[in-house]
Amino acid sequence: MPLSRRLMISAVIATVAVGSGVAVALWPDSDPPYRPPVSHVVQPGAPGQPGRSLSASELSQVSPPGFTAADTLFIEGMIPHHAQALEMTALLQGRTTNPDVTLLAKRIDVSQRDEIARMQRWLDERGVPSVGPHTGHAGHELMPGMLTGEQFDQLKKARGAEFDRLFLTFMIGHHQGALKMVEELYATGGGLEPASDQFAREVNADQSIEIQRMQEMLAKLR
């Protein structure tokens, strides 16, 4: 046992002995036997749900789950959902001079273009017919957070501070719709496939952060 450790333990024993009048052996005069750590992996739950620890033996018997119809529906719906966000960011030119709104829109544009490409690759790699960004666009107005034609026209006609307020208000709702789609994915048994799960978690995390940022920006405009 290292000297420093012996001194520390001796000091504790002495303190106990003085305080109680009884000397108690708090630790044997040798280090405890080494016990190797138990190997385990945490299997994450859905967003907001606790994970579950898997032992090494359990992990060896687990194969990565495949994708399901719920995963496919989620990806097929999220592509046009992202595409509408790009249509919204494309409206900024000539309608706003707010640097914060402009920077936010550029961030959304870059990230969601990349995610659309990822989702299309996901479909291609699984032999699912690829969905174009505007496939069945009219029907997708029923998806959570999607702007109606009337709302989109309202945004196109706005200028200056009015545009900024509408853009932030509509984009917050649009992002909240994406979070709802993530919830529905897990609620319907999807998100077990590693790639689908990772993408859904990224959407949930990134858009939650952007919602908070947009709410702060909107509060300053009011």
C-alpha atoms as a PDB file:
ATOM      1  CA  MET A   1       0.000   0.000   0.000  1.00  0.00           C
ATOM      2  CA  PRO A   2       1.424   3.438  -0.862  1.00  0.00           C
ATOM      3  CA  LEU A   3       2.698   5.438   2.078  1.00  0.00           C
ATOM      4  CA  SER A   4       0.401   8.376   1.473  1.00  0.00           C
ATOM      5  CA  ARG A   5      -2.599   6.093   1.577  1.00  0.00           C
ATOM      6  CA  ARG A   6      -1.422   4.472   4.824  1.00  0.00           C
ATOM      7  CA  LEU A   7      -1.009   7.887   6.413  1.00  0.00           C
ATOM      8  CA  MET A   8      -4.468   8.990   5.352  1.00  0.00           C
ATOM      9  CA  ILE A   9      -6.109   5.848   6.729  1.00  0.00           C
ATOM     10  CA  SER A  10      -4.111   6.061   9.942  1.00  0.00           C
ATOM     11  CA  ALA A  11      -5.271   9.622  10.441  1.00  0.00           C
ATOM     12  CA  VAL A  12      -8.901   8.579  10.031  1.00  0.00           C
ATOM     13  CA  ILE A  13      -8.483   5.719  12.502  1.00  0.00           C
ATOM     14  CA  ALA A  14      -6.821   8.010  14.997  1.00  0.00           C
ATOM     15  CA  THR A  15      -9.637  10.514  14.717  1.00  0.00           C
ATOM     16  CA  VAL A  16     -12.258   7.845  15.318  1.00  0.00           C
ATOM     17  CA  ALA A  17     -10.312   6.429  18.226  1.00  0.00           C
ATOM     18  CA  VAL A  18      -9.945   9.800  19.901  1.00  0.00           C
ATOM     19  CA  GLY A  19     -13.581  10.688  19.393  1.00  0.00           C
ATOM     20  CA  SER A  20     -15.033   7.420  20.651  1.00  0.00           C
ATOM     21  CA  GLY A  21     -12.327   5.950  22.826  1.00  0.00           C
ATOM     22  CA  VAL A  22     -12.382   2.806  20.680  1.00  0.00           C
ATOM     23  CA  ALA A  23      -9.902   1.936  17.957  1.00  0.00           C
ATOM     24  CA  VAL A  24     -11.694   0.497  14.929  1.00  0.00           C
ATOM     25  CA  ALA A  25      -9.935  -1.132  11.984  1.00  0.00           C
ATOM     26  CA  LEU A  26     -11.452   0.714   9.031  1.00  0.00           C
ATOM     27  CA  TRP A  27      -9.400  -0.988   6.347  1.00  0.00           C
ATOM     28  CA  PRO A  28      -7.247  -4.131   6.212  1.00  0.00           C
ATOM     29  CA  ASP A  29      -3.478  -3.733   5.893  1.00  0.00           C
ATOM     30  CA  SER A  30      -3.526  -4.651   2.214  1.00  0.00           C
ATOM     31  CA  ASP A  31      -5.179  -3.352  -0.916  1.00  0.00           C
ATOM     32  CA  PRO A  32      -8.547  -4.913  -1.795  1.00  0.00           C
ATOM     33  CA  PRO A  33      -8.446  -7.495  -4.594  1.00  0.00           C
ATOM     34  CA  TYR A  34      -8.763  -6.128  -8.121  1.00  0.00           C
ATOM     35  CA  ARG A  35     -12.135  -6.679  -9.711  1.00  0.00           C
ATOM     36  CA  PRO A  36     -12.305  -6.075 -13.457  1.00  0.00           C
ATOM     37  CA  PRO A  37     -15.019  -3.633 -14.518  1.00  0.00           C
ATOM     38  CA  VAL A  38     -18.199  -5.113 -15.883  1.00  0.00           C
ATOM     39  CA  SER A  39     -18.446  -4.387 -19.588  1.00  0.00           C
ATOM     40  CA  HIS A  40     -21.784  -3.006 -20.660  1.00  0.00           C
ATOM     41  CA  VAL A  41     -23.266  -0.825 -23.339  1.00  0.00           C
ATOM     42  CA  VAL A  42     -26.161   1.559 -22.881  1.00  0.00           C
ATOM     43  CA  GLN A  43     -28.891   1.017 -25.438  1.00  0.00           C
ATOM     44  CA  PRO A  44     -30.457   4.486 -25.852  1.00  0.00           C
ATOM     45  CA  GLY A  45     -34.170   4.972 -25.541  1.00  0.00           C
ATOM     46  CA  ALA A  46     -36.249   7.320 -27.645  1.00  0.00           C
ATOM     47  CA  PRO A  47     -35.622  11.044 -27.094  1.00  0.00           C
ATOM     48  CA  GLY A  48     -36.628  11.866 -23.525  1.00  0.00           C
ATOM     49  CA  GLN A  49     -36.741   8.197 -22.502  1.00  0.00           C
ATOM     50  CA  PRO A  50     -34.120   6.399 -20.349  1.00  0.00           C
ATOM     51  CA  GLY A  51     -31.649   3.997 -21.893  1.00  0.00           C
ATOM     52  CA  ARG A  52     -31.046   0.371 -20.888  1.00  0.00           C
ATOM     53  CA  SER A  53     -27.687  -1.169 -20.029  1.00  0.00           C
ATOM     54  CA  LEU A  54     -26.677  -4.257 -21.973  1.00  0.00           C
ATOM     55  CA  SER A  55     -24.034  -6.637 -20.665  1.00  0.00           C
ATOM     56  CA  ALA A  56     -21.334  -7.993 -22.954  1.00  0.00           C
ATOM     57  CA  SER A  57     -23.184 -11.306 -23.264  1.00  0.00           C
ATOM     58  CA  GLU A  58     -26.438  -9.540 -24.170  1.00  0.00           C
ATOM     59  CA  LEU A  59     -24.660  -7.338 -26.676  1.00  0.00           C
ATOM     60  CA  SER A  60     -23.106 -10.343 -28.431  1.00  0.00           C
ATOM     61  CA  GLN A  61     -26.587 -11.713 -29.084  1.00  0.00           C
ATOM     62  CA  VAL A  62     -28.004  -8.475 -30.436  1.00  0.00           C
ATOM     63  CA  SER A  63     -27.874  -7.689 -34.147  1.00  0.00           C
ATOM     64  CA  PRO A  64     -28.644  -4.180 -35.416  1.00  0.00           C
ATOM     65  CA  PRO A  65     -32.375  -3.889 -36.155  1.00  0.00           C
ATOM     66  CA  GLY A  66     -33.389  -3.308 -39.750  1.00  0.00           C
ATOM     67  CA  PHE A  67     -35.503  -0.444 -41.011  1.00  0.00           C
ATOM     68  CA  THR A  68     -39.272  -0.594 -40.827  1.00  0.00           C
ATOM     69  CA  ALA A  69     -42.213   0.935 -42.657  1.00  0.00           C
ATOM     70  CA  ALA A  70     -42.287   3.621 -39.950  1.00  0.00           C
ATOM     71  CA  ASP A  71     -38.704   4.606 -40.809  1.00  0.00           C
ATOM     72  CA  THR A  72     -39.539   4.808 -44.499  1.00  0.00           C
ATOM     73  CA  LEU A  73     -42.631   6.937 -43.900  1.00  0.00           C
ATOM     74  CA  PHE A  74     -40.620   9.248 -41.650  1.00  0.00           C
ATOM     75  CA  ILE A  75     -37.892   9.773 -44.250  1.00  0.00           C
ATOM     76  CA  GLU A  76     -40.354  10.114 -47.130  1.00  0.00           C
ATOM     77  CA  GLY A  77     -42.291  12.731 -45.190  1.00  0.00           C
ATOM     78  CA  MET A  78     -39.277  14.621 -43.901  1.00  0.00           C
ATOM     79  CA  ILE A  79     -37.840  15.219 -47.390  1.00  0.00           C
ATOM     80  CA  PRO A  80     -40.691  17.483 -48.595  1.00  0.00           C
ATOM     81  CA  HIS A  81     -40.919  18.929 -45.084  1.00  0.00           C
ATOM     82  CA  HIS A  82     -37.283  20.057 -45.347  1.00  0.00           C
ATOM     83  CA  ALA A  83     -37.887  21.213 -48.916  1.00  0.00           C
ATOM     84  CA  GLN A  84     -40.533  23.679 -47.774  1.00  0.00           C
ATOM     85  CA  ALA A  85     -38.079  25.133 -45.261  1.00  0.00           C
ATOM     86  CA  LEU A  86     -35.713  25.774 -48.186  1.00  0.00           C
ATOM     87  CA  GLU A  87     -38.531  27.526 -50.054  1.00  0.00           C
ATOM     88  CA  MET A  88     -38.996  29.752 -47.029  1.00  0.00           C
ATOM     89  CA  THR A  89     -35.304  30.636 -46.742  1.00  0.00           C
ATOM     90  CA  ALA A  90     -35.229  31.452 -50.468  1.00  0.00           C
ATOM     91  CA  LEU A  91     -37.685  34.294 -49.834  1.00  0.00           C
ATOM     92  CA  LEU A  92     -35.246  36.367 -47.776  1.00  0.00           C
ATOM     93  CA  GLN A  93     -33.585  38.131 -50.688  1.00  0.00           C
ATOM     94  CA  GLY A  94     -35.128  41.584 -51.069  1.00  0.00           C
ATOM     95  CA  ARG A  95     -37.474  41.121 -48.116  1.00  0.00           C
ATOM     96  CA  THR A  96     -35.251  41.636 -45.073  1.00  0.00           C
ATOM     97  CA  THR A  97     -32.102  43.451 -44.026  1.00  0.00           C
ATOM     98  CA  ASN A  98     -31.957  41.853 -40.577  1.00  0.00           C
ATOM     99  CA  PRO A  99     -28.496  40.233 -40.280  1.00  0.00           C
ATOM    100  CA  ASP A 100     -29.562  37.783 -37.563  1.00  0.00           C
ATOM    101  CA  VAL A 101     -32.514  36.503 -39.579  1.00  0.00           C
ATOM    102  CA  THR A 102     -30.320  36.263 -42.673  1.00  0.00           C
ATOM    103  CA  LEU A 103     -27.629  34.278 -40.835  1.00  0.00           C
ATOM    104  CA  LEU A 104     -30.208  31.936 -39.338  1.00  0.00           C
ATOM    105  CA  ALA A 105     -31.786  31.332 -42.741  1.00  0.00           C
ATOM    106  CA  LYS A 106     -28.390  30.484 -44.252  1.00  0.00           C
ATOM    107  CA  ARG A 107     -27.746  27.986 -41.472  1.00  0.00           C
ATOM    108  CA  ILE A 108     -31.123  26.338 -42.042  1.00  0.00           C
ATOM    109  CA  ASP A 109     -30.576  26.294 -45.804  1.00  0.00           C
ATOM    110  CA  VAL A 110     -27.168  24.605 -45.586  1.00  0.00           C
ATOM    111  CA  SER A 111     -28.119  22.042 -42.944  1.00  0.00           C
ATOM    112  CA  GLN A 112     -31.418  21.017 -44.502  1.00  0.00           C
ATOM    113  CA  ARG A 113     -29.989  20.701 -48.017  1.00  0.00           C
ATOM    114  CA  ASP A 114     -27.412  18.325 -46.586  1.00  0.00           C
ATOM    115  CA  GLU A 115     -30.073  16.387 -44.701  1.00  0.00           C
ATOM    116  CA  ILE A 116     -32.247  16.035 -47.810  1.00  0.00           C
ATOM    117  CA  ALA A 117     -29.271  14.474 -49.607  1.00  0.00           C
ATOM    118  CA  ARG A 118     -28.716  12.128 -46.646  1.00  0.00           C
ATOM    119  CA  MET A 119     -32.354  11.065 -46.629  1.00  0.00           C
ATOM    120  CA  GLN A 120     -32.353  10.383 -50.360  1.00  0.00           C
ATOM    121  CA  ARG A 121     -29.221   8.247 -49.933  1.00  0.00           C
ATOM    122  CA  TRP A 122     -30.938   6.405 -47.084  1.00  0.00           C
ATOM    123  CA  LEU A 123     -33.800   5.481 -49.408  1.00  0.00           C
ATOM    124  CA  ASP A 124     -31.481   4.536 -52.281  1.00  0.00           C
ATOM    125  CA  GLU A 125     -29.311   2.289 -50.095  1.00  0.00           C
ATOM    126  CA  ARG A 126     -32.390   0.362 -48.983  1.00  0.00           C
ATOM    127  CA  GLY A 127     -33.901  -0.006 -52.412  1.00  0.00           C
ATOM    128  CA  VAL A 128     -36.792   2.321 -51.680  1.00  0.00           C
ATOM    129  CA  PRO A 129     -37.798   4.552 -54.619  1.00  0.00           C
ATOM    130  CA  SER A 130     -36.307   7.973 -53.992  1.00  0.00           C
ATOM    131  CA  VAL A 131     -38.671  10.801 -53.133  1.00  0.00           C
ATOM    132  CA  GLY A 132     -38.178  14.179 -54.777  1.00  0.00           C
ATOM    133  CA  PRO A 133     -38.323  17.251 -52.524  1.00  0.00           C
ATOM    134  CA  HIS A 134     -41.605  18.374 -54.103  1.00  0.00           C
ATOM    135  CA  THR A 135     -43.263  14.983 -54.573  1.00  0.00           C
ATOM    136  CA  GLY A 136     -46.930  15.294 -53.699  1.00  0.00           C
ATOM    137  CA  HIS A 137     -46.261  18.752 -52.307  1.00  0.00           C
ATOM    138  CA  ALA A 138     -49.921  19.770 -51.965  1.00  0.00           C
ATOM    139  CA  GLY A 139     -50.809  16.708 -49.914  1.00  0.00           C
ATOM    140  CA  HIS A 140     -47.912  17.322 -47.547  1.00  0.00           C
ATOM    141  CA  GLU A 141     -49.588  20.472 -46.210  1.00  0.00           C
ATOM    142  CA  LEU A 142     -51.237  18.123 -43.736  1.00  0.00           C
ATOM    143  CA  MET A 143     -47.878  17.173 -42.205  1.00  0.00           C
ATOM    144  CA  PRO A 144     -47.066  18.811 -38.853  1.00  0.00           C
ATOM    145  CA  GLY A 145     -45.775  22.363 -39.199  1.00  0.00           C
ATOM    146  CA  MET A 146     -46.166  22.651 -42.967  1.00  0.00           C
ATOM    147  CA  LEU A 147     -47.300  26.060 -44.192  1.00  0.00           C
ATOM    148  CA  THR A 148     -50.537  26.282 -46.111  1.00  0.00           C
ATOM    149  CA  GLY A 149     -50.595  27.995 -49.487  1.00  0.00           C
ATOM    150  CA  GLU A 150     -52.248  31.003 -47.867  1.00  0.00           C
ATOM    151  CA  GLN A 151     -49.515  31.297 -45.231  1.00  0.00           C
ATOM    152  CA  PHE A 152     -46.806  31.008 -47.860  1.00  0.00           C
ATOM    153  CA  ASP A 153     -48.419  33.775 -49.928  1.00  0.00           C
ATOM    154  CA  GLN A 154     -48.616  35.921 -46.792  1.00  0.00           C
ATOM    155  CA  LEU A 155     -44.895  35.448 -46.226  1.00  0.00           C
ATOM    156  CA  LYS A 156     -44.069  36.297 -49.843  1.00  0.00           C
ATOM    157  CA  LYS A 157     -45.964  39.590 -49.640  1.00  0.00           C
ATOM    158  CA  ALA A 158     -44.335  40.740 -46.384  1.00  0.00           C
ATOM    159  CA  ARG A 159     -41.343  43.076 -46.191  1.00  0.00           C
ATOM    160  CA  GLY A 160     -38.977  44.341 -43.497  1.00  0.00           C
ATOM    161  CA  ALA A 161     -39.870  43.774 -39.848  1.00  0.00           C
ATOM    162  CA  GLU A 162     -43.208  42.222 -40.804  1.00  0.00           C
ATOM    163  CA  PHE A 163     -41.398  39.638 -42.912  1.00  0.00           C
ATOM    164  CA  ASP A 164     -38.947  38.914 -40.084  1.00  0.00           C
ATOM    165  CA  ARG A 165     -41.779  38.283 -37.611  1.00  0.00           C
ATOM    166  CA  LEU A 166     -43.709  36.071 -39.999  1.00  0.00           C
ATOM    167  CA  PHE A 167     -40.606  34.157 -41.074  1.00  0.00           C
ATOM    168  CA  LEU A 168     -39.606  33.402 -37.487  1.00  0.00           C
ATOM    169  CA  THR A 169     -43.162  32.570 -36.427  1.00  0.00           C
ATOM    170  CA  PHE A 170     -43.746  30.224 -39.354  1.00  0.00           C
ATOM    171  CA  MET A 171     -40.297  28.619 -39.106  1.00  0.00           C
ATOM    172  CA  ILE A 172     -40.740  27.970 -35.383  1.00  0.00           C
ATOM    173  CA  GLY A 173     -44.002  26.177 -36.154  1.00  0.00           C
ATOM    174  CA  HIS A 174     -42.320  24.334 -39.020  1.00  0.00           C
ATOM    175  CA  HIS A 175     -39.510  23.128 -36.748  1.00  0.00           C
ATOM    176  CA  GLN A 176     -41.987  22.119 -34.043  1.00  0.00           C
ATOM    177  CA  GLY A 177     -43.733  20.048 -36.687  1.00  0.00           C
ATOM    178  CA  ALA A 178     -40.461  18.240 -37.398  1.00  0.00           C
ATOM    179  CA  LEU A 179     -40.105  17.424 -33.698  1.00  0.00           C
ATOM    180  CA  LYS A 180     -43.645  16.040 -33.768  1.00  0.00           C
ATOM    181  CA  MET A 181     -42.676  13.830 -36.703  1.00  0.00           C
ATOM    182  CA  VAL A 182     -39.736  12.485 -34.682  1.00  0.00           C
ATOM    183  CA  GLU A 183     -42.107  11.681 -31.812  1.00  0.00           C
ATOM    184  CA  GLU A 184     -44.436   9.879 -34.199  1.00  0.00           C
ATOM    185  CA  LEU A 185     -41.522   7.873 -35.611  1.00  0.00           C
ATOM    186  CA  TYR A 186     -40.717   6.356 -32.224  1.00  0.00           C
ATOM    187  CA  ALA A 187     -44.365   6.064 -31.202  1.00  0.00           C
ATOM    188  CA  THR A 188     -45.070   3.870 -34.241  1.00  0.00           C
ATOM    189  CA  GLY A 189     -42.144   1.517 -33.640  1.00  0.00           C
ATOM    190  CA  GLY A 190     -39.578   3.201 -35.870  1.00  0.00           C
ATOM    191  CA  GLY A 191     -36.158   4.575 -35.054  1.00  0.00           C
ATOM    192  CA  LEU A 192     -34.672   1.215 -34.066  1.00  0.00           C
ATOM    193  CA  GLU A 193     -32.409   0.991 -37.088  1.00  0.00           C
ATOM    194  CA  PRO A 194     -29.138   2.747 -36.120  1.00  0.00           C
ATOM    195  CA  ALA A 195     -29.021   5.101 -39.124  1.00  0.00           C
ATOM    196  CA  SER A 196     -32.661   6.106 -38.798  1.00  0.00           C
ATOM    197  CA  ASP A 197     -32.290   6.582 -35.055  1.00  0.00           C
ATOM    198  CA  GLN A 198     -29.166   8.734 -35.413  1.00  0.00           C
ATOM    199  CA  PHE A 199     -30.756  10.958 -38.044  1.00  0.00           C
ATOM    200  CA  ALA A 200     -33.948  11.420 -36.023  1.00  0.00           C
ATOM    201  CA  ARG A 201     -31.940  12.354 -32.938  1.00  0.00           C
ATOM    202  CA  GLU A 202     -29.924  14.902 -34.911  1.00  0.00           C
ATOM    203  CA  VAL A 203     -33.091  16.481 -36.278  1.00  0.00           C
ATOM    204  CA  ASN A 204     -34.556  16.595 -32.780  1.00  0.00           C
ATOM    205  CA  ALA A 205     -31.442  18.168 -31.238  1.00  0.00           C
ATOM    206  CA  ASP A 206     -30.619  20.657 -34.009  1.00  0.00           C
ATOM    207  CA  GLN A 207     -34.133  21.930 -34.510  1.00  0.00           C
ATOM    208  CA  SER A 208     -34.771  22.214 -30.767  1.00  0.00           C
ATOM    209  CA  ILE A 209     -31.750  24.526 -30.524  1.00  0.00           C
ATOM    210  CA  GLU A 210     -32.914  26.552 -33.515  1.00  0.00           C
ATOM    211  CA  ILE A 211     -36.418  26.890 -32.059  1.00  0.00           C
ATOM    212  CA  GLN A 212     -34.986  28.379 -28.887  1.00  0.00           C
ATOM    213  CA  ARG A 213     -32.824  30.780 -30.901  1.00  0.00           C
ATOM    214  CA  MET A 214     -35.758  31.884 -33.062  1.00  0.00           C
ATOM    215  CA  GLN A 215     -37.973  32.427 -30.028  1.00  0.00           C
ATOM    216  CA  GLU A 216     -35.311  34.720 -28.574  1.00  0.00           C
ATOM    217  CA  MET A 217     -35.025  36.619 -31.861  1.00  0.00           C
ATOM    218  CA  LEU A 218     -38.793  36.951 -32.160  1.00  0.00           C
ATOM    219  CA  ALA A 219     -39.065  38.322 -28.618  1.00  0.00           C
ATOM    220  CA  LYS A 220     -36.677  41.143 -29.556  1.00  0.00           C
ATOM    221  CA  LEU A 221     -38.826  42.114 -32.544  1.00  0.00           C
ATOM    222  CA  ARG A 222     -42.034  42.473 -30.543  1.00  0.00           C
END
